[in-house]
Amino acid sequence: MIIYIGPLVLGLILGFILGTRIRDVPESGLKFDASVYILFIIVAFIVAYALGPFPYYKDTPFASGFVAAAVGVILGKLIFGRSSTPQKMED
């Protein structure tokens, strides 16, 4: 079985960048707890299975780049997620 590294790396990088831009808004009342991450991964796998592999890629029945992007979003949010309060500028 051949694993194509290009879609995995690109998906992970793009997902990581998007994940760092997610922030909590206190006024909305929405929270990112463990159940949101689990639901996000389940939906990502369902969508990746529906998309199927890239043309001529037969490594998995999933869109591996999409799954990598979903994992990148979660990693970016957990590692460098933006805080809910804006940063204050020094005078």
PDB file of N, CA and C in Angstrom:
ATOM      1  N   MET A   1       0.840  -1.176   0.000  1.00  0.00           N
ATOM      2  CA  MET A   1       0.000   0.000   0.000  1.00  0.00           C
ATOM      3  C   MET A   1       0.890   1.245   0.000  1.00  0.00           C
ATOM      4  N   ILE A   2       0.608   2.144  -0.895  1.00  0.00           N
ATOM      5  CA  ILE A   2       1.362   3.388  -1.018  1.00  0.00           C
ATOM      6  C   ILE A   2       0.595   4.498  -0.303  1.00  0.00           C
ATOM      7  N   ILE A   3       1.286   5.239   0.538  1.00  0.00           N
ATOM      8  CA  ILE A   3       0.673   6.369   1.226  1.00  0.00           C
ATOM      9  C   ILE A   3       1.208   7.644   0.586  1.00  0.00           C
ATOM     10  N   TYR A   4       0.315   8.462   0.072  1.00  0.00           N
ATOM     11  CA  TYR A   4       0.693   9.712  -0.577  1.00  0.00           C
ATOM     12  C   TYR A   4       0.803  10.802   0.477  1.00  0.00           C
ATOM     13  N   ILE A   5       1.973  11.368   0.618  1.00  0.00           N
ATOM     14  CA  ILE A   5       2.266  12.312   1.682  1.00  0.00           C
ATOM     15  C   ILE A   5       1.820  13.740   1.346  1.00  0.00           C
ATOM     16  N   GLY A   6       1.705  14.081   0.078  1.00  0.00           N
ATOM     17  CA  GLY A   6       1.366  15.446  -0.322  1.00  0.00           C
ATOM     18  C   GLY A   6       0.040  15.940   0.225  1.00  0.00           C
ATOM     19  N   PRO A   7      -1.077  15.224  -0.022  1.00  0.00           N
ATOM     20  CA  PRO A   7      -2.357  15.690   0.524  1.00  0.00           C
ATOM     21  C   PRO A   7      -2.380  15.709   2.052  1.00  0.00           C
ATOM     22  N   LEU A   8      -1.666  14.789   2.674  1.00  0.00           N
ATOM     23  CA  LEU A   8      -1.640  14.765   4.134  1.00  0.00           C
ATOM     24  C   LEU A   8      -0.956  16.003   4.704  1.00  0.00           C
ATOM     25  N   VAL A   9       0.190  16.335   4.146  1.00  0.00           N
ATOM     26  CA  VAL A   9       0.947  17.488   4.646  1.00  0.00           C
ATOM     27  C   VAL A   9       0.197  18.787   4.361  1.00  0.00           C
ATOM     28  N   LEU A  10      -0.286  18.943   3.149  1.00  0.00           N
ATOM     29  CA  LEU A  10      -0.995  20.174   2.798  1.00  0.00           C
ATOM     30  C   LEU A  10      -2.267  20.329   3.626  1.00  0.00           C
ATOM     31  N   GLY A  11      -3.026  19.257   3.799  1.00  0.00           N
ATOM     32  CA  GLY A  11      -4.234  19.319   4.614  1.00  0.00           C
ATOM     33  C   GLY A  11      -3.929  19.650   6.056  1.00  0.00           C
ATOM     34  N   LEU A  12      -2.871  19.052   6.600  1.00  0.00           N
ATOM     35  CA  LEU A  12      -2.499  19.314   7.986  1.00  0.00           C
ATOM     36  C   LEU A  12      -2.065  20.764   8.175  1.00  0.00           C
ATOM     37  N   ILE A  13      -1.288  21.285   7.261  1.00  0.00           N
ATOM     38  CA  ILE A  13      -0.824  22.677   7.372  1.00  0.00           C
ATOM     39  C   ILE A  13      -1.999  23.652   7.260  1.00  0.00           C
ATOM     40  N   LEU A  14      -2.859  23.458   6.269  1.00  0.00           N
ATOM     41  CA  LEU A  14      -3.999  24.364   6.113  1.00  0.00           C
ATOM     42  C   LEU A  14      -4.958  24.262   7.295  1.00  0.00           C
ATOM     43  N   GLY A  15      -5.217  23.047   7.754  1.00  0.00           N
ATOM     44  CA  GLY A  15      -6.080  22.867   8.915  1.00  0.00           C
ATOM     45  C   GLY A  15      -5.498  23.483  10.172  1.00  0.00           C
ATOM     46  N   PHE A  16      -4.187  23.354  10.351  1.00  0.00           N
ATOM     47  CA  PHE A  16      -3.519  23.932  11.514  1.00  0.00           C
ATOM     48  C   PHE A  16      -3.641  25.449  11.503  1.00  0.00           C
ATOM     49  N   ILE A  17      -3.450  26.053  10.347  1.00  0.00           N
ATOM     50  CA  ILE A  17      -3.574  27.513  10.250  1.00  0.00           C
ATOM     51  C   ILE A  17      -4.997  27.960  10.562  1.00  0.00           C
ATOM     52  N   LEU A  18      -5.979  27.243  10.017  1.00  0.00           N
ATOM     53  CA  LEU A  18      -7.371  27.580  10.314  1.00  0.00           C
ATOM     54  C   LEU A  18      -7.703  27.372  11.789  1.00  0.00           C
ATOM     55  N   GLY A  19      -7.153  26.334  12.387  1.00  0.00           N
ATOM     56  CA  GLY A  19      -7.409  26.068  13.797  1.00  0.00           C
ATOM     57  C   GLY A  19      -6.858  27.134  14.717  1.00  0.00           C
ATOM     58  N   THR A  20      -5.757  27.757  14.345  1.00  0.00           N
ATOM     59  CA  THR A  20      -5.197  28.820  15.177  1.00  0.00           C
ATOM     60  C   THR A  20      -6.056  30.076  15.138  1.00  0.00           C
ATOM     61  N   ARG A  21      -6.895  30.207  14.147  1.00  0.00           N
ATOM     62  CA  ARG A  21      -7.725  31.405  14.010  1.00  0.00           C
ATOM     63  C   ARG A  21      -9.067  31.288  14.717  1.00  0.00           C
ATOM     64  N   ILE A  22      -9.405  30.116  15.238  1.00  0.00           N
ATOM     65  CA  ILE A  22     -10.676  29.930  15.938  1.00  0.00           C
ATOM     66  C   ILE A  22     -10.566  30.513  17.331  1.00  0.00           C
ATOM     67  N   ARG A  23     -11.556  31.269  17.725  1.00  0.00           N
ATOM     68  CA  ARG A  23     -11.560  31.810  19.080  1.00  0.00           C
ATOM     69  C   ARG A  23     -12.955  31.701  19.662  1.00  0.00           C
ATOM     70  N   ASP A  24     -13.013  31.659  20.969  1.00  0.00           N
ATOM     71  CA  ASP A  24     -14.290  31.601  21.673  1.00  0.00           C
ATOM     72  C   ASP A  24     -14.851  33.011  21.829  1.00  0.00           C
ATOM     73  N   VAL A  25     -16.134  33.164  21.585  1.00  0.00           N
ATOM     74  CA  VAL A  25     -16.806  34.445  21.778  1.00  0.00           C
ATOM     75  C   VAL A  25     -17.731  34.282  22.973  1.00  0.00           C
ATOM     76  N   PRO A  26     -17.457  34.974  24.076  1.00  0.00           N
ATOM     77  CA  PRO A  26     -18.255  34.756  25.288  1.00  0.00           C
ATOM     78  C   PRO A  26     -19.735  35.116  25.110  1.00  0.00           C
ATOM     79  N   GLU A  27     -20.034  36.085  24.256  1.00  0.00           N
ATOM     80  CA  GLU A  27     -21.417  36.511  24.070  1.00  0.00           C
ATOM     81  C   GLU A  27     -22.270  35.444  23.394  1.00  0.00           C
ATOM     82  N   SER A  28     -21.653  34.543  22.620  1.00  0.00           N
ATOM     83  CA  SER A  28     -22.421  33.545  21.885  1.00  0.00           C
ATOM     84  C   SER A  28     -22.860  32.391  22.778  1.00  0.00           C
ATOM     85  N   GLY A  29     -22.143  32.128  23.841  1.00  0.00           N
ATOM     86  CA  GLY A  29     -22.478  31.028  24.729  1.00  0.00           C
ATOM     87  C   GLY A  29     -22.017  29.678  24.213  1.00  0.00           C
ATOM     88  N   LEU A  30     -21.311  29.636  23.081  1.00  0.00           N
ATOM     89  CA  LEU A  30     -20.805  28.375  22.540  1.00  0.00           C
ATOM     90  C   LEU A  30     -19.444  28.068  23.145  1.00  0.00           C
ATOM     91  N   LYS A  31     -19.231  26.814  23.483  1.00  0.00           N
ATOM     92  CA  LYS A  31     -17.968  26.396  24.070  1.00  0.00           C
ATOM     93  C   LYS A  31     -17.393  25.243  23.259  1.00  0.00           C
ATOM     94  N   PHE A  32     -16.079  25.157  23.196  1.00  0.00           N
ATOM     95  CA  PHE A  32     -15.383  24.050  22.549  1.00  0.00           C
ATOM     96  C   PHE A  32     -14.932  23.087  23.644  1.00  0.00           C
ATOM     97  N   ASP A  33     -15.786  22.125  23.972  1.00  0.00           N
ATOM     98  CA  ASP A  33     -15.391  21.105  24.931  1.00  0.00           C
ATOM     99  C   ASP A  33     -15.152  19.788  24.199  1.00  0.00           C
ATOM    100  N   ALA A  34     -14.930  18.727  24.945  1.00  0.00           N
ATOM    101  CA  ALA A  34     -14.555  17.443  24.345  1.00  0.00           C
ATOM    102  C   ALA A  34     -15.628  16.898  23.408  1.00  0.00           C
ATOM    103  N   SER A  35     -16.892  17.120  23.713  1.00  0.00           N
ATOM    104  CA  SER A  35     -17.961  16.587  22.861  1.00  0.00           C
ATOM    105  C   SER A  35     -17.963  17.238  21.478  1.00  0.00           C
ATOM    106  N   VAL A  36     -17.592  18.492  21.399  1.00  0.00           N
ATOM    107  CA  VAL A  36     -17.523  19.173  20.104  1.00  0.00           C
ATOM    108  C   VAL A  36     -16.409  18.575  19.247  1.00  0.00           C
ATOM    109  N   TYR A  37     -15.267  18.288  19.856  1.00  0.00           N
ATOM    110  CA  TYR A  37     -14.157  17.695  19.118  1.00  0.00           C
ATOM    111  C   TYR A  37     -14.500  16.293  18.620  1.00  0.00           C
ATOM    112  N   ILE A  38     -15.160  15.501  19.457  1.00  0.00           N
ATOM    113  CA  ILE A  38     -15.547  14.146  19.059  1.00  0.00           C
ATOM    114  C   ILE A  38     -16.550  14.189  17.920  1.00  0.00           C
ATOM    115  N   LEU A  39     -17.547  15.064  18.025  1.00  0.00           N
ATOM    116  CA  LEU A  39     -18.538  15.204  16.954  1.00  0.00           C
ATOM    117  C   LEU A  39     -17.886  15.697  15.665  1.00  0.00           C
ATOM    118  N   PHE A  40     -16.943  16.614  15.781  1.00  0.00           N
ATOM    119  CA  PHE A  40     -16.237  17.135  14.612  1.00  0.00           C
ATOM    120  C   PHE A  40     -15.457  16.032  13.890  1.00  0.00           C
ATOM    121  N   ILE A  41     -14.771  15.180  14.649  1.00  0.00           N
ATOM    122  CA  ILE A  41     -14.014  14.081  14.040  1.00  0.00           C
ATOM    123  C   ILE A  41     -14.951  13.079  13.375  1.00  0.00           C
ATOM    124  N   ILE A  42     -16.080  12.756  14.015  1.00  0.00           N
ATOM    125  CA  ILE A  42     -17.029  11.809  13.424  1.00  0.00           C
ATOM    126  C   ILE A  42     -17.584  12.349  12.113  1.00  0.00           C
ATOM    127  N   VAL A  43     -17.998  13.605  12.110  1.00  0.00           N
ATOM    128  CA  VAL A  43     -18.533  14.222  10.887  1.00  0.00           C
ATOM    129  C   VAL A  43     -17.443  14.319   9.817  1.00  0.00           C
ATOM    130  N   ALA A  44     -16.213  14.616  10.218  1.00  0.00           N
ATOM    131  CA  ALA A  44     -15.104  14.697   9.255  1.00  0.00           C
ATOM    132  C   ALA A  44     -14.859  13.351   8.588  1.00  0.00           C
ATOM    133  N   PHE A  45     -14.919  12.260   9.341  1.00  0.00           N
ATOM    134  CA  PHE A  45     -14.740  10.939   8.741  1.00  0.00           C
ATOM    135  C   PHE A  45     -15.885  10.576   7.805  1.00  0.00           C
ATOM    136  N   ILE A  46     -17.102  10.965   8.157  1.00  0.00           N
ATOM    137  CA  ILE A  46     -18.252  10.695   7.275  1.00  0.00           C
ATOM    138  C   ILE A  46     -18.104  11.463   5.964  1.00  0.00           C
ATOM    139  N   VAL A  47     -17.733  12.726   6.053  1.00  0.00           N
ATOM    140  CA  VAL A  47     -17.550  13.543   4.847  1.00  0.00           C
ATOM    141  C   VAL A  47     -16.372  13.028   4.030  1.00  0.00           C
ATOM    142  N   ALA A  48     -15.292  12.639   4.689  1.00  0.00           N
ATOM    143  CA  ALA A  48     -14.124  12.117   3.973  1.00  0.00           C
ATOM    144  C   ALA A  48     -14.446  10.811   3.258  1.00  0.00           C
ATOM    145  N   TYR A  49     -15.286   9.992   3.852  1.00  0.00           N
ATOM    146  CA  TYR A  49     -15.685   8.751   3.196  1.00  0.00           C
ATOM    147  C   TYR A  49     -16.577   9.052   1.987  1.00  0.00           C
ATOM    148  N   ALA A  50     -17.462  10.048   2.134  1.00  0.00           N
ATOM    149  CA  ALA A  50     -18.333  10.423   1.018  1.00  0.00           C
ATOM    150  C   ALA A  50     -17.535  11.030  -0.134  1.00  0.00           C
ATOM    151  N   LEU A  51     -16.487  11.773   0.188  1.00  0.00           N
ATOM    152  CA  LEU A  51     -15.643  12.363  -0.854  1.00  0.00           C
ATOM    153  C   LEU A  51     -14.841  11.305  -1.592  1.00  0.00           C
ATOM    154  N   GLY A  52     -14.384  10.307  -0.861  1.00  0.00           N
ATOM    155  CA  GLY A  52     -13.567   9.255  -1.468  1.00  0.00           C
ATOM    156  C   GLY A  52     -12.143   9.727  -1.685  1.00  0.00           C
ATOM    157  N   PRO A  53     -11.284   8.817  -2.116  1.00  0.00           N
ATOM    158  CA  PRO A  53      -9.884   9.193  -2.318  1.00  0.00           C
ATOM    159  C   PRO A  53      -9.735  10.098  -3.538  1.00  0.00           C
ATOM    160  N   PHE A  54      -8.610  10.796  -3.584  1.00  0.00           N
ATOM    161  CA  PHE A  54      -8.309  11.605  -4.752  1.00  0.00           C
ATOM    162  C   PHE A  54      -8.207  10.700  -5.980  1.00  0.00           C
ATOM    163  N   PRO A  55      -8.404  11.227  -7.157  1.00  0.00           N
ATOM    164  CA  PRO A  55      -8.315  10.357  -8.344  1.00  0.00           C
ATOM    165  C   PRO A  55      -6.972   9.631  -8.419  1.00  0.00           C
ATOM    166  N   TYR A  56      -7.049   8.369  -8.729  1.00  0.00           N
ATOM    167  CA  TYR A  56      -5.883   7.489  -8.882  1.00  0.00           C
ATOM    168  C   TYR A  56      -5.184   7.181  -7.563  1.00  0.00           C
ATOM    169  N   TYR A  57      -5.694   7.661  -6.426  1.00  0.00           N
ATOM    170  CA  TYR A  57      -5.121   7.317  -5.132  1.00  0.00           C
ATOM    171  C   TYR A  57      -5.934   6.159  -4.585  1.00  0.00           C
ATOM    172  N   LYS A  58      -5.280   5.081  -4.229  1.00  0.00           N
ATOM    173  CA  LYS A  58      -5.981   3.913  -3.714  1.00  0.00           C
ATOM    174  C   LYS A  58      -5.470   3.510  -2.336  1.00  0.00           C
ATOM    175  N   ASP A  59      -4.929   4.462  -1.576  1.00  0.00           N
ATOM    176  CA  ASP A  59      -4.368   4.109  -0.275  1.00  0.00           C
ATOM    177  C   ASP A  59      -5.451   3.835   0.765  1.00  0.00           C
ATOM    178  N   THR A  60      -6.470   4.648   0.851  1.00  0.00           N
ATOM    179  CA  THR A  60      -7.574   4.449   1.791  1.00  0.00           C
ATOM    180  C   THR A  60      -8.880   4.812   1.087  1.00  0.00           C
ATOM    181  N   PRO A  61     -10.015   4.379   1.619  1.00  0.00           N
ATOM    182  CA  PRO A  61     -11.291   4.780   1.019  1.00  0.00           C
ATOM    183  C   PRO A  61     -11.715   6.192   1.427  1.00  0.00           C
ATOM    184  N   PHE A  62     -10.891   6.877   2.223  1.00  0.00           N
ATOM    185  CA  PHE A  62     -11.192   8.225   2.696  1.00  0.00           C
ATOM    186  C   PHE A  62     -10.407   9.261   1.903  1.00  0.00           C
ATOM    187  N   ALA A  63     -10.884  10.497   1.923  1.00  0.00           N
ATOM    188  CA  ALA A  63     -10.107  11.625   1.400  1.00  0.00           C
ATOM    189  C   ALA A  63      -9.086  11.973   2.476  1.00  0.00           C
ATOM    190  N   SER A  64      -7.886  11.470   2.328  1.00  0.00           N
ATOM    191  CA  SER A  64      -6.878  11.600   3.378  1.00  0.00           C
ATOM    192  C   SER A  64      -6.499  13.053   3.657  1.00  0.00           C
ATOM    193  N   GLY A  65      -6.522  13.895   2.643  1.00  0.00           N
ATOM    194  CA  GLY A  65      -6.225  15.312   2.846  1.00  0.00           C
ATOM    195  C   GLY A  65      -7.277  15.987   3.700  1.00  0.00           C
ATOM    196  N   PHE A  66      -8.538  15.581   3.547  1.00  0.00           N
ATOM    197  CA  PHE A  66      -9.621  16.154   4.346  1.00  0.00           C
ATOM    198  C   PHE A  66      -9.505  15.728   5.802  1.00  0.00           C
ATOM    199  N   VAL A  67      -9.191  14.475   6.036  1.00  0.00           N
ATOM    200  CA  VAL A  67      -9.010  13.994   7.409  1.00  0.00           C
ATOM    201  C   VAL A  67      -7.822  14.692   8.061  1.00  0.00           C
ATOM    202  N   ALA A  68      -6.743  14.878   7.318  1.00  0.00           N
ATOM    203  CA  ALA A  68      -5.575  15.578   7.853  1.00  0.00           C
ATOM    204  C   ALA A  68      -5.914  17.032   8.173  1.00  0.00           C
ATOM    205  N   ALA A  69      -6.735  17.665   7.349  1.00  0.00           N
ATOM    206  CA  ALA A  69      -7.145  19.045   7.625  1.00  0.00           C
ATOM    207  C   ALA A  69      -7.991  19.114   8.892  1.00  0.00           C
ATOM    208  N   ALA A  70      -8.876  18.139   9.100  1.00  0.00           N
ATOM    209  CA  ALA A  70      -9.693  18.110  10.310  1.00  0.00           C
ATOM    210  C   ALA A  70      -8.824  17.932  11.549  1.00  0.00           C
ATOM    211  N   VAL A  71      -7.840  17.061  11.466  1.00  0.00           N
ATOM    212  CA  VAL A  71      -6.914  16.871  12.585  1.00  0.00           C
ATOM    213  C   VAL A  71      -6.096  18.145  12.801  1.00  0.00           C
ATOM    214  N   GLY A  72      -5.707  18.812  11.719  1.00  0.00           N
ATOM    215  CA  GLY A  72      -4.966  20.063  11.831  1.00  0.00           C
ATOM    216  C   GLY A  72      -5.772  21.169  12.487  1.00  0.00           C
ATOM    217  N   VAL A  73      -7.065  21.224  12.209  1.00  0.00           N
ATOM    218  CA  VAL A  73      -7.929  22.223  12.849  1.00  0.00           C
ATOM    219  C   VAL A  73      -7.954  21.996  14.354  1.00  0.00           C
ATOM    220  N   ILE A  74      -8.100  20.750  14.758  1.00  0.00           N
ATOM    221  CA  ILE A  74      -8.141  20.456  16.194  1.00  0.00           C
ATOM    222  C   ILE A  74      -6.791  20.742  16.847  1.00  0.00           C
ATOM    223  N   LEU A  75      -5.702  20.340  16.209  1.00  0.00           N
ATOM    224  CA  LEU A  75      -4.375  20.617  16.769  1.00  0.00           C
ATOM    225  C   LEU A  75      -4.113  22.118  16.869  1.00  0.00           C
ATOM    226  N   GLY A  76      -4.471  22.858  15.833  1.00  0.00           N
ATOM    227  CA  GLY A  76      -4.269  24.306  15.856  1.00  0.00           C
ATOM    228  C   GLY A  76      -5.076  24.979  16.938  1.00  0.00           C
ATOM    229  N   LYS A  77      -6.312  24.512  17.146  1.00  0.00           N
ATOM    230  CA  LYS A  77      -7.159  25.090  18.185  1.00  0.00           C
ATOM    231  C   LYS A  77      -6.611  24.764  19.569  1.00  0.00           C
ATOM    232  N   LEU A  78      -6.177  23.533  19.771  1.00  0.00           N
ATOM    233  CA  LEU A  78      -5.686  23.143  21.094  1.00  0.00           C
ATOM    234  C   LEU A  78      -4.335  23.767  21.432  1.00  0.00           C
ATOM    235  N   ILE A  79      -3.462  23.911  20.435  1.00  0.00           N
ATOM    236  CA  ILE A  79      -2.112  24.413  20.714  1.00  0.00           C
ATOM    237  C   ILE A  79      -2.064  25.940  20.713  1.00  0.00           C
ATOM    238  N   PHE A  80      -2.565  26.550  19.644  1.00  0.00           N
ATOM    239  CA  PHE A  80      -2.438  28.002  19.500  1.00  0.00           C
ATOM    240  C   PHE A  80      -3.784  28.701  19.372  1.00  0.00           C
ATOM    241  N   GLY A  81      -4.838  28.122  19.901  1.00  0.00           N
ATOM    242  CA  GLY A  81      -6.160  28.738  19.794  1.00  0.00           C
ATOM    243  C   GLY A  81      -6.180  30.120  20.408  1.00  0.00           C
ATOM    244  N   ARG A  82      -6.901  31.014  19.766  1.00  0.00           N
ATOM    245  CA  ARG A  82      -6.949  32.390  20.246  1.00  0.00           C
ATOM    246  C   ARG A  82      -7.798  32.468  21.496  1.00  0.00           C
ATOM    247  N   SER A  83      -7.419  33.311  22.421  1.00  0.00           N
ATOM    248  CA  SER A  83      -8.177  33.451  23.661  1.00  0.00           C
ATOM    249  C   SER A  83      -9.443  34.260  23.397  1.00  0.00           C
ATOM    250  N   SER A  84     -10.342  34.235  24.353  1.00  0.00           N
ATOM    251  CA  SER A  84     -11.614  34.915  24.168  1.00  0.00           C
ATOM    252  C   SER A  84     -11.509  36.414  24.420  1.00  0.00           C
ATOM    253  N   THR A  85     -10.487  36.854  25.132  1.00  0.00           N
ATOM    254  CA  THR A  85     -10.330  38.274  25.394  1.00  0.00           C
ATOM    255  C   THR A  85      -9.305  38.861  24.428  1.00  0.00           C
ATOM    256  N   PRO A  86      -9.573  40.039  23.889  1.00  0.00           N
ATOM    257  CA  PRO A  86      -8.596  40.634  22.974  1.00  0.00           C
ATOM    258  C   PRO A  86      -7.349  41.059  23.726  1.00  0.00           C
ATOM    259  N   GLN A  87      -6.246  41.051  23.019  1.00  0.00           N
ATOM    260  CA  GLN A  87      -4.991  41.462  23.634  1.00  0.00           C
ATOM    261  C   GLN A  87      -4.969  42.982  23.773  1.00  0.00           C
ATOM    262  N   LYS A  88      -4.413  43.444  24.865  1.00  0.00           N
ATOM    263  CA  LYS A  88      -4.340  44.879  25.107  1.00  0.00           C
ATOM    264  C   LYS A  88      -3.023  45.422  24.590  1.00  0.00           C
ATOM    265  N   MET A  89      -3.091  46.585  23.993  1.00  0.00           N
ATOM    266  CA  MET A  89      -1.896  47.221  23.454  1.00  0.00           C
ATOM    267  C   MET A  89      -1.227  48.013  24.562  1.00  0.00           C
ATOM    268  N   GLU A  90       0.084  47.968  24.566  1.00  0.00           N
ATOM    269  CA  GLU A  90       0.835  48.748  25.555  1.00  0.00           C
ATOM    270  C   GLU A  90       0.978  50.181  25.057  1.00  0.00           C
ATOM    271  N   ASP A  91       0.902  51.114  26.008  1.00  0.00           N
ATOM    272  CA  ASP A  91       1.047  52.527  25.644  1.00  0.00           C
ATOM    273  C   ASP A  91       2.488  52.937  25.582  1.00  0.00           C
TER     274      ASP A  91
END
